[in-house]
């Protein structure tokens, strides 16, 4: 059973639907009892960094998430804003992040040419930089759907699983043990997104 954390941001129904398509049962919840019994966690999210952290604080589930992820080593996948919240903080806001991945979330600093606009929106490729089960069997044709103006910049470069180029090279997937994150939206990425989510289910 996969538990999708409902903290009032994110494309929850779409994530649940794509999990159903690959034969995976899931629940959407913010109830502490259900989160406490989760076998795997997905932290989705769209919107601003501080709003996401404020919502987690108001639900009073951060200490529970820390216990699940840091102590019990429950696999967690952060998606888009959910990946950014794994960091220690963001240029977008003032609140501290979860801090599970050391580093901060940065805004794109582009030349603002006609070719590259913020937000980075649409299909793009990923470049795996080290072997990982999350990206198992992902070839050079694998592409994913992005919508974001910020990205996580890990301090420890060994936490980077993949990068993507949008004028600059940025981190598009991270992994540190049971803690995983992707900047793109697998629930909008068709067969490649389904493969990535299946890897998360099968290998973690």
Protein backbone atom coordinates (compact mmCIF):
# COMPACT_ATOMS: atom_id res chain seq x y z
CA UNK A 1 0.00 0.00 0.00
CA UNK A 2 1.32 3.42 -0.99
CA UNK A 3 0.31 6.40 1.13
CA UNK A 4 0.01 9.70 -0.75
CA UNK A 5 0.33 12.52 1.76
CA UNK A 6 -2.48 15.07 1.47
CA UNK A 7 -1.19 18.40 2.72
CA UNK A 8 -3.52 20.45 0.52
CA UNK A 9 -1.15 20.98 -2.39
CA UNK A 10 -0.60 18.77 -5.36
CA UNK A 11 -2.06 16.63 -8.06
CA UNK A 12 -3.22 13.87 -5.72
CA UNK A 13 -5.87 12.28 -7.88
CA UNK A 14 -3.59 12.06 -10.90
CA UNK A 15 -0.92 10.30 -8.86
CA UNK A 16 -3.43 7.83 -7.49
CA UNK A 17 -4.79 7.20 -10.98
CA UNK A 18 -1.40 6.43 -12.51
CA UNK A 19 -0.59 4.10 -9.60
CA UNK A 20 -3.85 2.31 -10.27
CA UNK A 21 -2.85 1.92 -13.93
CA UNK A 22 0.29 0.01 -12.89
CA UNK A 23 -1.71 -2.14 -10.45
CA UNK A 24 -0.67 -0.41 -7.23
CA UNK A 25 -3.13 0.26 -4.43
CA UNK A 26 -2.86 3.62 -2.69
CA UNK A 27 -4.62 5.94 -0.29
CA UNK A 28 -4.67 9.73 -0.07
CA UNK A 29 -4.59 10.90 3.53
CA UNK A 30 -3.35 13.35 6.13
CA UNK A 31 -4.44 11.14 9.04
CA UNK A 32 -1.58 10.40 11.40
CA UNK A 33 -2.66 6.82 12.06
CA UNK A 34 -2.62 5.96 8.36
CA UNK A 35 0.69 7.70 7.76
CA UNK A 36 2.18 5.87 10.74
CA UNK A 37 1.31 2.52 9.19
CA UNK A 38 2.46 3.42 5.66
CA UNK A 39 4.74 1.03 3.81
CA UNK A 40 5.76 3.64 1.24
CA UNK A 41 5.15 7.39 1.13
CA UNK A 42 4.68 9.83 -1.72
CA UNK A 43 5.01 13.55 -0.96
CA UNK A 44 3.52 15.38 -3.97
CA UNK A 45 3.07 19.10 -4.35
CA UNK A 46 2.62 22.12 -6.57
CA UNK A 47 2.81 25.71 -5.41
CA UNK A 48 5.09 27.70 -3.14
CA UNK A 49 7.65 26.35 -0.70
CA UNK A 50 6.40 28.20 2.37
CA UNK A 51 2.79 27.22 1.70
CA UNK A 52 3.82 23.59 1.56
CA UNK A 53 5.77 23.76 4.81
CA UNK A 54 3.02 25.77 6.53
CA UNK A 55 0.48 23.13 5.59
CA UNK A 56 2.67 20.34 6.95
CA UNK A 57 3.12 22.33 10.15
CA UNK A 58 -0.63 22.96 10.51
CA UNK A 59 -1.34 19.26 10.06
CA UNK A 60 1.27 18.55 12.76
CA UNK A 61 2.79 15.66 10.84
CA UNK A 62 6.42 16.74 10.43
CA UNK A 63 7.66 14.88 13.52
CA UNK A 64 5.76 11.79 12.37
CA UNK A 65 7.29 12.06 8.90
CA UNK A 66 10.75 12.44 10.43
CA UNK A 67 10.19 9.29 12.45
CA UNK A 68 8.91 7.33 9.46
CA UNK A 69 11.63 8.44 7.06
CA UNK A 70 14.69 8.99 9.24
CA UNK A 71 14.19 6.34 11.94
CA UNK A 72 12.03 3.64 10.36
CA UNK A 73 13.59 4.17 6.90
CA UNK A 74 10.21 4.12 5.15
CA UNK A 75 10.76 4.78 1.41
CA UNK A 76 9.55 8.24 0.39
CA UNK A 77 9.29 9.85 -3.04
CA UNK A 78 8.99 13.63 -3.26
CA UNK A 79 7.46 14.95 -6.48
CA UNK A 80 8.01 18.52 -7.78
CA UNK A 81 7.38 20.77 -4.73
CA UNK A 82 7.59 17.58 -2.66
CA UNK A 83 11.20 17.15 -3.82
CA UNK A 84 12.02 20.77 -2.98
CA UNK A 85 10.63 20.33 0.54
CA UNK A 86 13.24 17.61 1.11
CA UNK A 87 15.85 20.39 1.18
CA UNK A 88 16.88 22.66 4.06
CA UNK A 89 15.19 25.76 2.64
CA UNK A 90 14.37 27.71 -0.49
CA UNK A 91 15.06 31.06 -2.11
CA UNK A 92 11.29 31.16 -2.62
CA UNK A 93 10.49 31.47 1.09
CA UNK A 94 11.74 31.84 4.64
CA UNK A 95 10.62 28.64 6.36
CA UNK A 96 13.03 25.74 6.87
CA UNK A 97 12.43 22.64 4.81
CA UNK A 98 12.40 19.06 6.02
CA UNK A 99 16.19 18.92 5.69
CA UNK A 100 16.37 15.28 4.64
CA UNK A 101 18.63 16.23 1.72
CA UNK A 102 21.33 18.74 2.65
CA UNK A 103 21.21 21.77 0.37
CA UNK A 104 18.83 24.50 -0.67
CA UNK A 105 16.24 25.04 -3.37
CA UNK A 106 17.27 27.70 -5.89
CA UNK A 107 15.47 29.73 -8.52
CA UNK A 108 16.55 29.44 -12.13
CA UNK A 109 19.00 32.20 -13.00
CA UNK A 110 18.77 32.27 -16.79
CA UNK A 111 19.73 34.76 -19.47
CA UNK A 112 16.02 35.24 -20.18
CA UNK A 113 16.43 34.69 -23.89
CA UNK A 114 13.46 33.98 -26.10
CA UNK A 115 14.27 30.26 -25.99
CA UNK A 116 14.36 29.82 -22.22
CA UNK A 117 11.55 31.14 -20.07
CA UNK A 118 10.69 30.71 -16.40
CA UNK A 119 8.95 28.54 -15.40
CA UNK A 120 10.61 25.62 -17.14
CA UNK A 121 7.50 23.97 -18.56
CA UNK A 122 7.08 21.01 -20.86
CA UNK A 123 8.88 17.83 -21.84
CA UNK A 124 12.59 17.37 -21.22
CA UNK A 125 15.13 14.60 -20.90
CA UNK A 126 17.02 13.43 -17.83
CA UNK A 127 20.68 12.45 -17.65
CA UNK A 128 21.29 9.76 -15.01
CA UNK A 129 24.60 10.51 -13.29
CA UNK A 130 24.83 7.35 -11.20
CA UNK A 131 23.17 3.96 -11.10
CA UNK A 132 19.94 3.82 -9.14
CA UNK A 133 16.99 1.48 -8.92
CA UNK A 134 14.63 4.44 -9.29
CA UNK A 135 15.95 5.02 -12.81
CA UNK A 136 16.38 1.35 -13.65
CA UNK A 137 15.99 0.66 -17.40
CA UNK A 138 15.67 4.34 -18.23
CA UNK A 139 17.37 4.88 -21.59
CA UNK A 140 18.34 8.06 -23.44
CA UNK A 141 14.80 8.38 -24.82
CA UNK A 142 13.22 8.72 -21.36
CA UNK A 143 11.58 12.12 -21.04
CA UNK A 144 9.40 13.67 -18.40
CA UNK A 145 7.02 16.58 -17.93
CA UNK A 146 8.30 19.58 -15.93
CA UNK A 147 6.60 22.66 -14.51
CA UNK A 148 8.83 24.59 -12.09
CA UNK A 149 10.84 27.73 -11.43
CA UNK A 150 12.99 26.29 -8.63
CA UNK A 151 15.16 23.20 -8.17
CA UNK A 152 16.95 21.46 -5.33
CA UNK A 153 20.73 21.99 -5.29
CA UNK A 154 22.25 19.29 -3.02
CA UNK A 155 25.45 19.99 -1.13
CA UNK A 156 26.56 16.37 -1.42
CA UNK A 157 26.70 15.72 -5.14
CA UNK A 158 26.47 11.98 -4.50
CA UNK A 159 22.79 12.62 -3.63
CA UNK A 160 22.15 13.55 -7.28
CA UNK A 161 20.62 10.75 -9.36
CA UNK A 162 19.96 12.71 -12.55
CA UNK A 163 20.32 16.13 -14.08
CA UNK A 164 18.43 17.96 -16.81
CA UNK A 165 19.55 20.80 -19.06
CA UNK A 166 17.43 23.91 -19.49
CA UNK A 167 20.05 26.46 -20.54
CA UNK A 168 21.83 25.37 -17.34
CA UNK A 169 22.23 21.91 -15.90
CA UNK A 170 20.10 21.37 -12.80
CA UNK A 171 19.27 18.48 -10.48
CA UNK A 172 16.14 16.65 -11.62
CA UNK A 173 16.29 13.57 -9.36
CA UNK A 174 17.86 12.87 -5.98
CA UNK A 175 18.36 9.79 -3.89
CA UNK A 176 19.78 9.16 -0.44
CA UNK A 177 18.95 5.67 0.79
CA UNK A 178 15.19 5.52 1.26
CA UNK A 179 14.78 9.23 0.44
CA UNK A 180 14.03 9.97 -3.22
CA UNK A 181 12.83 12.96 -5.16
CA UNK A 182 12.04 13.99 -8.72
CA UNK A 183 11.54 17.53 -9.96
CA UNK A 184 9.33 16.42 -12.84
CA UNK A 185 5.80 15.01 -12.73
CA UNK A 186 5.76 11.23 -13.31
CA UNK A 187 1.95 11.29 -13.15
CA UNK A 188 1.98 13.44 -16.33
CA UNK A 189 4.82 11.60 -18.06
CA UNK A 190 2.98 8.63 -19.58
CA UNK A 191 4.98 5.41 -19.97
CA UNK A 192 8.19 6.86 -18.54
CA UNK A 193 6.40 8.11 -15.45
CA UNK A 194 4.70 4.76 -14.98
CA UNK A 195 8.05 2.99 -15.26
CA UNK A 196 9.63 5.28 -12.68
CA UNK A 197 6.77 4.78 -10.21
CA UNK A 198 6.92 1.03 -10.78
CA UNK A 199 10.65 1.12 -10.00
CA UNK A 200 9.86 2.97 -6.75
CA UNK A 201 7.30 0.33 -5.80
CA UNK A 202 9.40 -2.67 -6.82
CA UNK A 203 12.82 -1.71 -5.51
CA UNK A 204 12.24 0.36 -2.36
